[in-house]
N, C-alpha and C. Protein backbone atom coordinates (compact mmCIF):
# COMPACT_ATOMS: atom_id res chain seq x y z
N MET A 1 105.56 122.37 158.99
CA MET A 1 104.36 122.81 158.28
C MET A 1 103.58 123.82 159.11
N ALA A 2 103.06 124.83 158.45
CA ALA A 2 102.29 125.87 159.14
C ALA A 2 100.87 125.40 159.43
N ILE A 3 100.18 126.14 160.28
CA ILE A 3 98.80 125.84 160.64
C ILE A 3 97.94 127.06 160.33
N LEU A 4 96.86 126.84 159.57
CA LEU A 4 95.89 127.90 159.31
C LEU A 4 94.85 127.91 160.41
N SER A 5 94.55 129.10 160.93
CA SER A 5 93.52 129.26 161.96
C SER A 5 92.52 130.31 161.49
N PRO A 6 91.49 129.90 160.73
CA PRO A 6 90.52 130.88 160.21
C PRO A 6 89.80 131.63 161.34
N SER A 7 89.70 132.94 161.20
CA SER A 7 89.03 133.75 162.21
C SER A 7 87.53 133.72 161.98
N ILE A 8 86.77 133.28 162.98
CA ILE A 8 85.33 133.21 162.83
C ILE A 8 84.68 134.59 162.82
N LEU A 9 85.49 135.63 163.00
CA LEU A 9 84.99 137.00 162.87
C LEU A 9 84.38 137.21 161.48
N SER A 10 84.85 136.42 160.51
CA SER A 10 84.41 136.60 159.13
C SER A 10 83.45 135.51 158.66
N CYS A 11 83.02 134.63 159.55
CA CYS A 11 82.10 133.58 159.13
C CYS A 11 80.66 134.10 159.12
N ASP A 12 79.72 133.26 158.73
CA ASP A 12 78.30 133.61 158.73
C ASP A 12 77.75 133.29 160.11
N TYR A 13 77.47 134.32 160.91
CA TYR A 13 77.07 134.11 162.30
C TYR A 13 75.76 133.33 162.43
N MET A 14 74.91 133.38 161.41
CA MET A 14 73.65 132.64 161.47
C MET A 14 73.81 131.18 161.07
N ASN A 15 74.99 130.84 160.56
CA ASN A 15 75.23 129.47 160.10
C ASN A 15 76.61 128.97 160.55
N MET A 16 76.94 129.23 161.80
CA MET A 16 78.27 128.90 162.30
C MET A 16 78.57 127.41 162.24
N GLU A 17 77.63 126.59 162.68
CA GLU A 17 77.88 125.15 162.68
C GLU A 17 78.16 124.66 161.26
N ARG A 18 77.39 125.16 160.31
CA ARG A 18 77.63 124.80 158.91
C ARG A 18 79.04 125.21 158.47
N ASP A 19 79.43 126.44 158.81
CA ASP A 19 80.75 126.94 158.41
C ASP A 19 81.87 126.16 159.09
N PHE A 20 81.69 125.79 160.36
CA PHE A 20 82.71 125.02 161.05
C PHE A 20 82.89 123.64 160.42
N THR A 21 81.78 123.03 160.04
CA THR A 21 81.83 121.72 159.38
C THR A 21 82.53 121.84 158.04
N GLU A 22 82.22 122.91 157.30
CA GLU A 22 82.88 123.13 156.02
C GLU A 22 84.38 123.35 156.22
N CYS A 23 84.76 124.11 157.26
CA CYS A 23 86.18 124.32 157.55
C CYS A 23 86.89 122.98 157.69
N LYS A 24 86.31 122.09 158.47
CA LYS A 24 86.93 120.79 158.69
C LYS A 24 87.03 120.01 157.38
N ASN A 25 85.99 120.08 156.57
CA ASN A 25 86.00 119.38 155.29
C ASN A 25 87.03 119.96 154.33
N MET A 26 87.39 121.23 154.51
CA MET A 26 88.40 121.88 153.67
C MET A 26 89.82 121.62 154.17
N GLY A 27 89.96 120.87 155.25
CA GLY A 27 91.29 120.55 155.77
C GLY A 27 91.74 121.42 156.92
N VAL A 28 90.88 122.34 157.38
CA VAL A 28 91.22 123.21 158.51
C VAL A 28 91.25 122.40 159.80
N LYS A 29 92.21 122.73 160.68
CA LYS A 29 92.36 122.03 161.96
C LYS A 29 92.09 122.93 163.16
N TRP A 30 92.23 124.24 162.97
CA TRP A 30 92.03 125.20 164.06
C TRP A 30 90.97 126.23 163.67
N LEU A 31 90.34 126.84 164.68
CA LEU A 31 89.48 128.00 164.48
C LEU A 31 89.93 129.09 165.45
N HIS A 32 90.02 130.31 164.95
CA HIS A 32 90.46 131.44 165.77
C HIS A 32 89.24 132.22 166.23
N VAL A 33 89.12 132.43 167.54
CA VAL A 33 87.95 133.09 168.12
C VAL A 33 88.38 134.40 168.77
N ASP A 34 88.00 135.52 168.17
CA ASP A 34 88.38 136.84 168.67
C ASP A 34 87.33 137.35 169.65
N VAL A 35 87.70 137.41 170.92
CA VAL A 35 86.79 137.88 171.97
C VAL A 35 87.15 139.34 172.28
N MET A 36 86.19 140.24 172.05
CA MET A 36 86.43 141.68 172.26
C MET A 36 85.37 142.24 173.20
N ASP A 37 85.80 143.13 174.09
CA ASP A 37 84.90 143.61 175.15
C ASP A 37 84.44 145.05 175.01
N GLY A 38 84.88 145.77 173.96
CA GLY A 38 84.49 147.16 173.81
C GLY A 38 85.23 148.11 174.74
N ILE A 39 86.14 147.58 175.53
CA ILE A 39 86.94 148.41 176.46
C ILE A 39 88.41 148.35 176.06
N PHE A 40 88.95 147.14 176.02
CA PHE A 40 90.35 147.00 175.62
C PHE A 40 90.53 147.34 174.14
N VAL A 41 89.53 147.00 173.34
CA VAL A 41 89.49 147.37 171.92
C VAL A 41 88.12 147.97 171.63
N PRO A 42 88.01 148.81 170.60
CA PRO A 42 86.74 149.51 170.33
C PRO A 42 85.75 148.67 169.52
N ASN A 43 85.49 147.47 169.97
CA ASN A 43 84.52 146.61 169.30
C ASN A 43 84.05 145.57 170.31
N ILE A 44 82.87 145.01 170.09
CA ILE A 44 82.34 143.95 170.94
C ILE A 44 82.00 142.77 170.04
N THR A 45 82.47 141.57 170.41
CA THR A 45 82.19 140.41 169.56
C THR A 45 81.53 139.30 170.37
N PHE A 46 82.32 138.30 170.75
CA PHE A 46 81.80 137.09 171.35
C PHE A 46 82.17 136.97 172.82
N GLY A 47 81.47 136.09 173.52
CA GLY A 47 81.77 135.82 174.91
C GLY A 47 82.00 134.35 175.16
N MET A 48 82.10 134.00 176.44
CA MET A 48 82.39 132.62 176.81
C MET A 48 81.25 131.67 176.42
N GLY A 49 80.03 132.21 176.34
CA GLY A 49 78.91 131.36 175.94
C GLY A 49 79.05 130.84 174.53
N LEU A 50 79.59 131.66 173.64
CA LEU A 50 79.78 131.20 172.26
C LEU A 50 80.84 130.11 172.21
N VAL A 51 81.91 130.26 172.98
CA VAL A 51 82.94 129.22 173.01
C VAL A 51 82.33 127.90 173.48
N LYS A 52 81.48 127.97 174.49
CA LYS A 52 80.81 126.76 174.98
C LYS A 52 79.95 126.13 173.89
N SER A 53 79.23 126.95 173.15
CA SER A 53 78.39 126.44 172.06
C SER A 53 79.22 125.87 170.93
N MET A 54 80.34 126.52 170.61
CA MET A 54 81.22 126.01 169.57
C MET A 54 81.77 124.64 169.93
N ARG A 55 82.15 124.50 171.20
CA ARG A 55 82.73 123.24 171.64
C ARG A 55 81.77 122.06 171.44
N LYS A 56 80.48 122.35 171.49
CA LYS A 56 79.48 121.29 171.33
C LYS A 56 79.33 120.83 169.89
N VAL A 57 79.71 121.70 168.92
CA VAL A 57 79.44 121.37 167.52
C VAL A 57 80.69 121.17 166.68
N THR A 58 81.87 121.31 167.27
CA THR A 58 83.10 121.08 166.50
C THR A 58 84.18 120.49 167.38
N ASP A 59 85.02 119.64 166.77
CA ASP A 59 86.17 119.11 167.48
C ASP A 59 87.47 119.75 167.00
N LEU A 60 87.35 120.82 166.21
CA LEU A 60 88.54 121.56 165.79
C LEU A 60 89.16 122.27 166.99
N VAL A 61 90.45 122.53 166.91
CA VAL A 61 91.15 123.25 167.97
C VAL A 61 90.60 124.67 168.07
N LEU A 62 90.17 125.07 169.26
CA LEU A 62 89.65 126.42 169.47
C LEU A 62 90.77 127.32 170.00
N ASP A 63 91.20 128.20 169.15
CA ASP A 63 92.30 129.15 169.40
C ASP A 63 91.64 130.47 169.81
N VAL A 64 91.48 130.66 171.12
CA VAL A 64 90.69 131.78 171.64
C VAL A 64 91.61 132.94 172.04
N HIS A 65 91.35 134.08 171.43
CA HIS A 65 92.18 135.28 171.59
C HIS A 65 91.38 136.32 172.37
N LEU A 66 91.77 136.54 173.63
CA LEU A 66 91.06 137.47 174.49
C LEU A 66 91.57 138.90 174.31
N MET A 67 90.79 139.72 173.65
CA MET A 67 91.09 141.15 173.54
C MET A 67 90.21 141.87 174.54
N ILE A 68 90.47 141.60 175.82
CA ILE A 68 89.62 142.13 176.88
C ILE A 68 90.48 142.71 178.00
N ASP A 69 89.88 143.62 178.73
CA ASP A 69 90.55 144.27 179.86
C ASP A 69 90.63 143.31 181.05
N ARG A 70 91.77 143.26 181.69
CA ARG A 70 92.00 142.42 182.88
C ARG A 70 91.48 140.98 182.71
N PRO A 71 92.08 140.25 181.79
CA PRO A 71 91.59 138.91 181.45
C PRO A 71 91.63 137.90 182.58
N LEU A 72 92.44 138.15 183.61
CA LEU A 72 92.50 137.23 184.74
C LEU A 72 91.10 136.94 185.30
N ARG A 73 90.21 137.90 185.20
CA ARG A 73 88.85 137.75 185.75
C ARG A 73 88.04 136.67 185.05
N TYR A 74 88.44 136.32 183.80
CA TYR A 74 87.59 135.45 182.99
C TYR A 74 88.27 134.20 182.44
N VAL A 75 89.56 134.04 182.67
CA VAL A 75 90.23 132.91 182.04
C VAL A 75 89.67 131.57 182.51
N GLU A 76 89.25 131.48 183.76
CA GLU A 76 88.71 130.21 184.25
C GLU A 76 87.47 129.81 183.46
N GLN A 77 86.59 130.76 183.18
CA GLN A 77 85.36 130.45 182.45
C GLN A 77 85.66 130.05 181.01
N PHE A 78 86.59 130.73 180.37
CA PHE A 78 86.91 130.37 178.99
C PHE A 78 87.57 128.99 178.92
N CYS A 79 88.39 128.68 179.89
CA CYS A 79 89.00 127.35 179.94
C CYS A 79 87.92 126.28 180.14
N ALA A 80 87.00 126.53 181.05
CA ALA A 80 85.94 125.56 181.35
C ALA A 80 85.00 125.37 180.17
N ASN A 81 84.87 126.38 179.34
CA ASN A 81 83.91 126.32 178.24
C ASN A 81 84.47 125.80 176.93
N GLY A 82 85.75 125.38 176.93
CA GLY A 82 86.21 124.64 175.76
C GLY A 82 87.39 125.17 174.98
N ALA A 83 88.03 126.26 175.43
CA ALA A 83 89.20 126.75 174.71
C ALA A 83 90.33 125.72 174.78
N ASP A 84 91.03 125.54 173.67
CA ASP A 84 92.23 124.70 173.65
C ASP A 84 93.49 125.54 173.86
N TYR A 85 93.53 126.69 173.20
CA TYR A 85 94.55 127.71 173.41
C TYR A 85 93.83 128.96 173.88
N LEU A 86 94.41 129.65 174.88
CA LEU A 86 93.82 130.89 175.38
C LEU A 86 94.92 131.93 175.47
N THR A 87 94.84 132.94 174.60
CA THR A 87 95.88 133.96 174.55
C THR A 87 95.35 135.27 175.12
N ILE A 88 96.22 135.94 175.88
CA ILE A 88 95.87 137.21 176.53
C ILE A 88 96.88 138.28 176.14
N HIS A 89 96.45 139.53 176.19
CA HIS A 89 97.32 140.64 175.81
C HIS A 89 98.18 141.10 176.97
N VAL A 90 99.45 141.33 176.68
CA VAL A 90 100.36 141.83 177.70
C VAL A 90 99.95 143.24 178.13
N GLU A 91 99.29 143.97 177.25
CA GLU A 91 98.90 145.35 177.54
C GLU A 91 97.64 145.46 178.40
N ALA A 92 96.97 144.33 178.65
CA ALA A 92 95.63 144.36 179.25
C ALA A 92 95.62 144.37 180.78
N ASP A 93 96.78 144.18 181.42
CA ASP A 93 96.79 144.13 182.89
C ASP A 93 98.20 144.34 183.42
N THR A 94 98.36 144.26 184.72
CA THR A 94 99.67 144.40 185.35
C THR A 94 100.52 143.16 185.07
N PRO A 95 101.84 143.28 185.17
CA PRO A 95 102.69 142.10 184.99
C PRO A 95 102.33 140.98 185.96
N GLU A 96 102.01 141.31 187.20
CA GLU A 96 101.68 140.28 188.20
C GLU A 96 100.41 139.53 187.80
N ASN A 97 99.40 140.25 187.37
CA ASN A 97 98.15 139.61 186.98
C ASN A 97 98.29 138.84 185.67
N THR A 98 99.12 139.34 184.77
CA THR A 98 99.36 138.64 183.51
C THR A 98 100.02 137.29 183.78
N ARG A 99 101.04 137.29 184.63
CA ARG A 99 101.70 136.04 184.98
C ARG A 99 100.72 135.08 185.67
N GLU A 100 99.92 135.59 186.59
CA GLU A 100 98.96 134.75 187.29
C GLU A 100 97.95 134.14 186.32
N ALA A 101 97.50 134.94 185.36
CA ALA A 101 96.53 134.45 184.38
C ALA A 101 97.13 133.33 183.53
N LEU A 102 98.36 133.50 183.08
CA LEU A 102 99.01 132.46 182.27
C LEU A 102 99.18 131.17 183.06
N LEU A 103 99.59 131.29 184.32
CA LEU A 103 99.77 130.10 185.15
C LEU A 103 98.43 129.41 185.41
N LYS A 104 97.39 130.20 185.62
CA LYS A 104 96.07 129.62 185.88
C LYS A 104 95.55 128.88 184.65
N ILE A 105 95.75 129.46 183.47
CA ILE A 105 95.32 128.81 182.24
C ILE A 105 95.95 127.42 182.12
N ARG A 106 97.25 127.34 182.37
CA ARG A 106 97.92 126.04 182.28
C ARG A 106 97.43 125.08 183.36
N GLN A 107 97.23 125.58 184.56
CA GLN A 107 96.73 124.73 185.64
C GLN A 107 95.38 124.13 185.31
N LEU A 108 94.61 124.84 184.50
CA LEU A 108 93.28 124.37 184.12
C LEU A 108 93.30 123.47 182.89
N GLY A 109 94.50 123.12 182.42
CA GLY A 109 94.62 122.16 181.33
C GLY A 109 94.52 122.75 179.93
N VAL A 110 94.63 124.08 179.84
CA VAL A 110 94.56 124.76 178.55
C VAL A 110 95.92 125.37 178.24
N LYS A 111 96.25 125.50 176.95
CA LYS A 111 97.55 126.02 176.55
C LYS A 111 97.51 127.56 176.56
N PRO A 112 98.37 128.20 177.34
CA PRO A 112 98.37 129.66 177.43
C PRO A 112 99.18 130.33 176.33
N GLY A 113 98.77 131.55 176.01
CA GLY A 113 99.51 132.33 175.03
C GLY A 113 99.53 133.80 175.40
N ILE A 114 100.49 134.53 174.86
CA ILE A 114 100.64 135.95 175.13
C ILE A 114 100.63 136.71 173.80
N VAL A 115 100.01 137.90 173.81
CA VAL A 115 99.82 138.67 172.57
C VAL A 115 100.43 140.05 172.71
N VAL A 116 100.96 140.57 171.58
CA VAL A 116 101.48 141.94 171.55
C VAL A 116 100.81 142.73 170.43
N LYS A 117 100.37 143.94 170.77
CA LYS A 117 99.85 144.86 169.77
C LYS A 117 101.00 145.39 168.91
N PRO A 118 100.68 146.01 167.77
CA PRO A 118 101.74 146.52 166.89
C PRO A 118 102.73 147.47 167.55
N LYS A 119 102.27 148.33 168.45
CA LYS A 119 103.18 149.31 169.05
C LYS A 119 103.93 148.77 170.26
N THR A 120 103.66 147.54 170.65
CA THR A 120 104.33 146.95 171.82
C THR A 120 105.59 146.21 171.37
N PRO A 121 106.75 146.51 171.96
CA PRO A 121 107.99 145.85 171.55
C PRO A 121 108.06 144.40 172.02
N ALA A 122 108.87 143.63 171.36
CA ALA A 122 109.04 142.22 171.70
C ALA A 122 109.52 142.04 173.14
N GLU A 123 110.35 142.97 173.60
CA GLU A 123 110.92 142.87 174.95
C GLU A 123 109.84 142.88 176.04
N ALA A 124 108.68 143.42 175.72
CA ALA A 124 107.61 143.53 176.71
C ALA A 124 107.09 142.17 177.17
N ILE A 125 107.30 141.12 176.36
CA ILE A 125 106.81 139.79 176.74
C ILE A 125 107.94 138.80 177.02
N LYS A 126 109.15 139.30 177.09
CA LYS A 126 110.30 138.41 177.27
C LYS A 126 110.16 137.52 178.50
N GLU A 127 109.69 138.08 179.62
CA GLU A 127 109.61 137.30 180.86
C GLU A 127 108.56 136.19 180.80
N TYR A 128 107.61 136.31 179.86
CA TYR A 128 106.53 135.32 179.78
C TYR A 128 106.81 134.19 178.78
N LEU A 129 107.85 134.35 177.97
CA LEU A 129 108.10 133.37 176.91
C LEU A 129 108.26 131.93 177.41
N PRO A 130 108.91 131.69 178.55
CA PRO A 130 109.02 130.30 179.02
C PRO A 130 107.69 129.73 179.53
N LEU A 131 106.68 130.58 179.73
CA LEU A 131 105.43 130.15 180.35
C LEU A 131 104.34 129.81 179.35
N VAL A 132 104.56 130.07 178.07
CA VAL A 132 103.47 129.99 177.10
C VAL A 132 103.70 128.93 176.03
N ASP A 133 102.60 128.56 175.38
CA ASP A 133 102.64 127.63 174.25
C ASP A 133 102.43 128.34 172.93
N MET A 134 102.08 129.63 173.00
CA MET A 134 101.92 130.40 171.78
C MET A 134 102.17 131.88 172.05
N VAL A 135 102.83 132.52 171.09
CA VAL A 135 103.00 133.97 171.08
C VAL A 135 102.30 134.48 169.83
N LEU A 136 101.45 135.49 170.01
CA LEU A 136 100.70 136.06 168.90
C LEU A 136 101.15 137.49 168.66
N VAL A 137 101.57 137.74 167.43
CA VAL A 137 101.98 139.08 167.00
C VAL A 137 100.86 139.66 166.13
N MET A 138 100.29 140.77 166.57
CA MET A 138 99.24 141.44 165.79
C MET A 138 99.87 142.21 164.64
N THR A 139 99.38 141.96 163.43
CA THR A 139 99.87 142.66 162.25
C THR A 139 98.82 143.66 161.73
N VAL A 140 97.86 143.96 162.60
CA VAL A 140 96.94 145.11 162.45
C VAL A 140 96.66 145.60 163.87
N GLU A 141 96.06 146.78 163.97
CA GLU A 141 95.59 147.22 165.28
C GLU A 141 94.36 146.41 165.64
N PRO A 142 94.34 145.74 166.79
CA PRO A 142 93.23 144.86 167.11
C PRO A 142 91.90 145.60 167.27
N GLY A 143 90.83 144.92 166.85
CA GLY A 143 89.51 145.50 167.02
C GLY A 143 88.55 145.21 165.88
N PHE A 144 89.08 145.19 164.65
CA PHE A 144 88.21 144.99 163.49
C PHE A 144 88.89 144.13 162.45
N GLY A 145 88.10 143.30 161.74
CA GLY A 145 88.64 142.48 160.67
C GLY A 145 88.79 143.29 159.39
N GLY A 146 89.50 142.70 158.42
CA GLY A 146 89.62 143.30 157.10
C GLY A 146 90.61 144.42 156.97
N GLN A 147 91.49 144.60 157.96
CA GLN A 147 92.47 145.69 157.90
C GLN A 147 93.69 145.29 157.06
N LYS A 148 94.44 146.30 156.66
CA LYS A 148 95.63 146.07 155.84
C LYS A 148 96.79 145.56 156.68
N PHE A 149 97.48 144.58 156.16
CA PHE A 149 98.63 143.95 156.80
C PHE A 149 99.75 144.96 157.03
N MET A 150 100.31 144.94 158.25
CA MET A 150 101.40 145.85 158.60
C MET A 150 102.73 145.12 158.45
N SER A 151 103.37 145.32 157.31
CA SER A 151 104.61 144.61 157.01
C SER A 151 105.74 145.03 157.94
N ASP A 152 105.62 146.20 158.56
CA ASP A 152 106.68 146.67 159.45
C ASP A 152 106.71 145.90 160.77
N MET A 153 105.80 144.94 160.95
CA MET A 153 105.83 144.07 162.12
C MET A 153 106.76 142.87 161.93
N MET A 154 107.27 142.68 160.72
CA MET A 154 108.08 141.49 160.45
C MET A 154 109.40 141.44 161.23
N PRO A 155 110.10 142.56 161.43
CA PRO A 155 111.30 142.50 162.27
C PRO A 155 110.98 142.03 163.69
N LYS A 156 109.86 142.48 164.24
CA LYS A 156 109.46 142.05 165.58
C LYS A 156 109.13 140.55 165.59
N LEU A 157 108.45 140.11 164.54
CA LEU A 157 108.14 138.68 164.42
C LEU A 157 109.43 137.85 164.40
N LYS A 158 110.37 138.28 163.59
CA LYS A 158 111.64 137.56 163.50
C LYS A 158 112.40 137.60 164.83
N GLN A 159 112.37 138.74 165.50
CA GLN A 159 113.03 138.86 166.80
C GLN A 159 112.43 137.89 167.81
N LEU A 160 111.11 137.78 167.81
CA LEU A 160 110.46 136.87 168.75
C LEU A 160 110.75 135.41 168.42
N ARG A 161 110.87 135.09 167.14
CA ARG A 161 111.23 133.72 166.78
C ARG A 161 112.62 133.38 167.32
N THR A 162 113.53 134.33 167.22
CA THR A 162 114.88 134.12 167.74
C THR A 162 114.85 133.98 169.26
N MET A 163 114.08 134.82 169.93
CA MET A 163 113.97 134.76 171.39
C MET A 163 113.36 133.43 171.83
N LEU A 164 112.34 132.98 171.12
CA LEU A 164 111.70 131.71 171.47
C LEU A 164 112.63 130.53 171.23
N ASP A 165 113.40 130.59 170.17
CA ASP A 165 114.33 129.49 169.88
C ASP A 165 115.34 129.29 170.99
N GLU A 166 115.59 130.36 171.74
CA GLU A 166 116.56 130.28 172.83
C GLU A 166 115.96 129.73 174.12
N VAL A 167 114.68 130.03 174.39
CA VAL A 167 114.10 129.67 175.69
C VAL A 167 112.91 128.72 175.63
N ASN A 168 112.25 128.65 174.46
CA ASN A 168 111.03 127.84 174.35
C ASN A 168 110.78 127.48 172.88
N PRO A 169 111.66 126.70 172.27
CA PRO A 169 111.59 126.46 170.82
C PRO A 169 110.33 125.75 170.35
N ALA A 170 109.63 125.04 171.24
CA ALA A 170 108.41 124.35 170.84
C ALA A 170 107.20 125.28 170.77
N CYS A 171 107.35 126.50 171.23
CA CYS A 171 106.24 127.46 171.28
C CYS A 171 105.85 127.89 169.87
N TYR A 172 104.54 127.91 169.61
CA TYR A 172 104.06 128.41 168.34
C TYR A 172 104.19 129.93 168.27
N LEU A 173 104.42 130.44 167.05
CA LEU A 173 104.45 131.88 166.79
C LEU A 173 103.36 132.19 165.77
N GLU A 174 102.37 132.94 166.22
CA GLU A 174 101.16 133.18 165.42
C GLU A 174 101.13 134.63 164.94
N VAL A 175 100.54 134.85 163.76
CA VAL A 175 100.31 136.20 163.25
C VAL A 175 98.83 136.36 162.97
N ASP A 176 98.32 137.57 163.22
CA ASP A 176 96.90 137.84 163.05
C ASP A 176 96.71 139.25 162.52
N GLY A 177 96.08 139.34 161.33
CA GLY A 177 95.78 140.65 160.77
C GLY A 177 96.27 140.82 159.35
N GLY A 178 95.34 140.78 158.40
CA GLY A 178 95.70 141.02 157.01
C GLY A 178 96.50 139.90 156.36
N VAL A 179 96.43 138.70 156.93
CA VAL A 179 97.19 137.57 156.38
C VAL A 179 96.40 136.95 155.24
N ASP A 180 97.06 136.84 154.07
CA ASP A 180 96.43 136.21 152.91
C ASP A 180 97.51 135.46 152.12
N LEU A 181 97.18 135.03 150.92
CA LEU A 181 98.12 134.23 150.14
C LEU A 181 99.37 135.00 149.74
N ASN A 182 99.31 136.32 149.76
CA ASN A 182 100.48 137.13 149.44
C ASN A 182 101.32 137.42 150.69
N THR A 183 100.68 137.91 151.74
CA THR A 183 101.43 138.31 152.93
C THR A 183 101.93 137.11 153.73
N VAL A 184 101.34 135.94 153.51
CA VAL A 184 101.77 134.75 154.27
C VAL A 184 103.22 134.41 153.99
N VAL A 185 103.71 134.75 152.82
CA VAL A 185 105.08 134.41 152.45
C VAL A 185 106.07 135.07 153.41
N THR A 186 105.93 136.37 153.62
CA THR A 186 106.85 137.07 154.52
C THR A 186 106.64 136.64 155.97
N CYS A 187 105.40 136.28 156.33
CA CYS A 187 105.15 135.81 157.70
C CYS A 187 105.94 134.54 157.97
N LYS A 188 105.89 133.61 157.04
CA LYS A 188 106.62 132.35 157.21
C LYS A 188 108.13 132.58 157.19
N GLU A 189 108.57 133.45 156.32
CA GLU A 189 110.00 133.73 156.23
C GLU A 189 110.55 134.30 157.53
N ASN A 190 109.69 134.95 158.29
CA ASN A 190 110.12 135.57 159.55
C ASN A 190 109.74 134.76 160.78
N GLY A 191 109.33 133.51 160.57
CA GLY A 191 109.20 132.59 161.69
C GLY A 191 107.81 132.19 162.13
N ALA A 192 106.76 132.73 161.49
CA ALA A 192 105.40 132.39 161.90
C ALA A 192 105.06 130.95 161.51
N ASP A 193 104.36 130.24 162.39
CA ASP A 193 103.91 128.90 162.04
C ASP A 193 102.42 128.68 162.30
N VAL A 194 101.72 129.69 162.85
CA VAL A 194 100.26 129.67 162.93
C VAL A 194 99.76 130.96 162.29
N LEU A 195 98.82 130.83 161.36
CA LEU A 195 98.42 131.93 160.51
C LEU A 195 96.92 132.16 160.62
N VAL A 196 96.54 133.31 161.17
CA VAL A 196 95.12 133.66 161.30
C VAL A 196 94.69 134.38 160.02
N ALA A 197 93.63 133.87 159.41
CA ALA A 197 93.07 134.52 158.22
C ALA A 197 91.56 134.52 158.35
N GLY A 198 90.95 135.69 158.25
CA GLY A 198 89.50 135.79 158.38
C GLY A 198 88.84 135.99 157.03
N SER A 199 88.80 137.24 156.57
CA SER A 199 88.15 137.53 155.30
C SER A 199 88.83 136.82 154.13
N ALA A 200 90.15 136.63 154.20
CA ALA A 200 90.85 135.96 153.10
C ALA A 200 90.41 134.51 152.97
N TYR A 201 90.19 133.85 154.12
CA TYR A 201 89.74 132.46 154.06
C TYR A 201 88.27 132.37 153.69
N PHE A 202 87.41 133.04 154.45
CA PHE A 202 85.97 132.88 154.23
C PHE A 202 85.52 133.50 152.90
N GLY A 203 86.32 134.39 152.33
CA GLY A 203 85.99 134.97 151.04
C GLY A 203 86.60 134.23 149.87
N SER A 204 87.34 133.17 150.16
CA SER A 204 88.00 132.42 149.09
C SER A 204 87.00 131.56 148.32
N SER A 205 87.19 131.48 147.01
CA SER A 205 86.32 130.66 146.18
C SER A 205 86.72 129.19 146.23
N ASP A 206 87.93 128.91 146.69
CA ASP A 206 88.40 127.52 146.81
C ASP A 206 89.12 127.39 148.16
N LYS A 207 88.34 127.14 149.18
CA LYS A 207 88.88 127.13 150.54
C LYS A 207 89.85 125.98 150.78
N ALA A 208 89.64 124.86 150.12
CA ALA A 208 90.57 123.73 150.27
C ALA A 208 91.93 124.10 149.72
N ALA A 209 91.96 124.73 148.55
CA ALA A 209 93.22 125.14 147.96
C ALA A 209 93.88 126.24 148.78
N PHE A 210 93.06 127.15 149.31
CA PHE A 210 93.58 128.22 150.17
C PHE A 210 94.25 127.61 151.40
N THR A 211 93.59 126.68 152.03
CA THR A 211 94.13 126.02 153.24
C THR A 211 95.45 125.34 152.92
N LYS A 212 95.47 124.60 151.84
CA LYS A 212 96.68 123.86 151.46
C LYS A 212 97.84 124.82 151.17
N ALA A 213 97.55 125.93 150.48
CA ALA A 213 98.60 126.89 150.16
C ALA A 213 99.13 127.59 151.41
N MET A 214 98.25 127.93 152.32
CA MET A 214 98.67 128.61 153.55
C MET A 214 99.52 127.70 154.43
N GLU A 215 99.21 126.42 154.42
CA GLU A 215 99.91 125.50 155.32
C GLU A 215 101.14 124.85 154.70
N ALA A 216 101.36 125.09 153.42
CA ALA A 216 102.49 124.47 152.71
C ALA A 216 103.83 124.94 153.30
């Protein structure tokens, strides 16, 4: 069964606790937190303080996606403040620092993950696959919500599922960007089992039915 991870990028920022409670009541188990620094991507969103505040008001799994430059500098703080999964971009630092960051995340009791942008090939993260609990494939260019799903990422998604099945079959394969009730079908067919949906989830008139359909 798949897992829906609604992106809080699309929630009501003035009523986050209310929205998180509603998510849980709708059957949601995870929340996706997009952290952007205005350097690695051209947008600024949330920081470690928000993750700490979220942890106080929800027991849902916090799926924290760091879209920041040189994430090694901050993984300890995000782990300490309540992330359950902490994913970092392969493009954001050197291979040595990326490996160190992933190892540190696990040492701190949090599940590490690695992310690839649309233009980054699957081979770029091959060496990290045995070290992670989640691989995230971006199906839009990271930085802003509401973008159109890039269906040409599906071969890469399928390739990574095959690679993971060989070295780390228990690892989750997540997709983020333009995922809705239509595009989720091809995502699942190509191996995705964690599905990030922002505007599609929070804009749904029947969130319980949306959750059930996405996770079916």
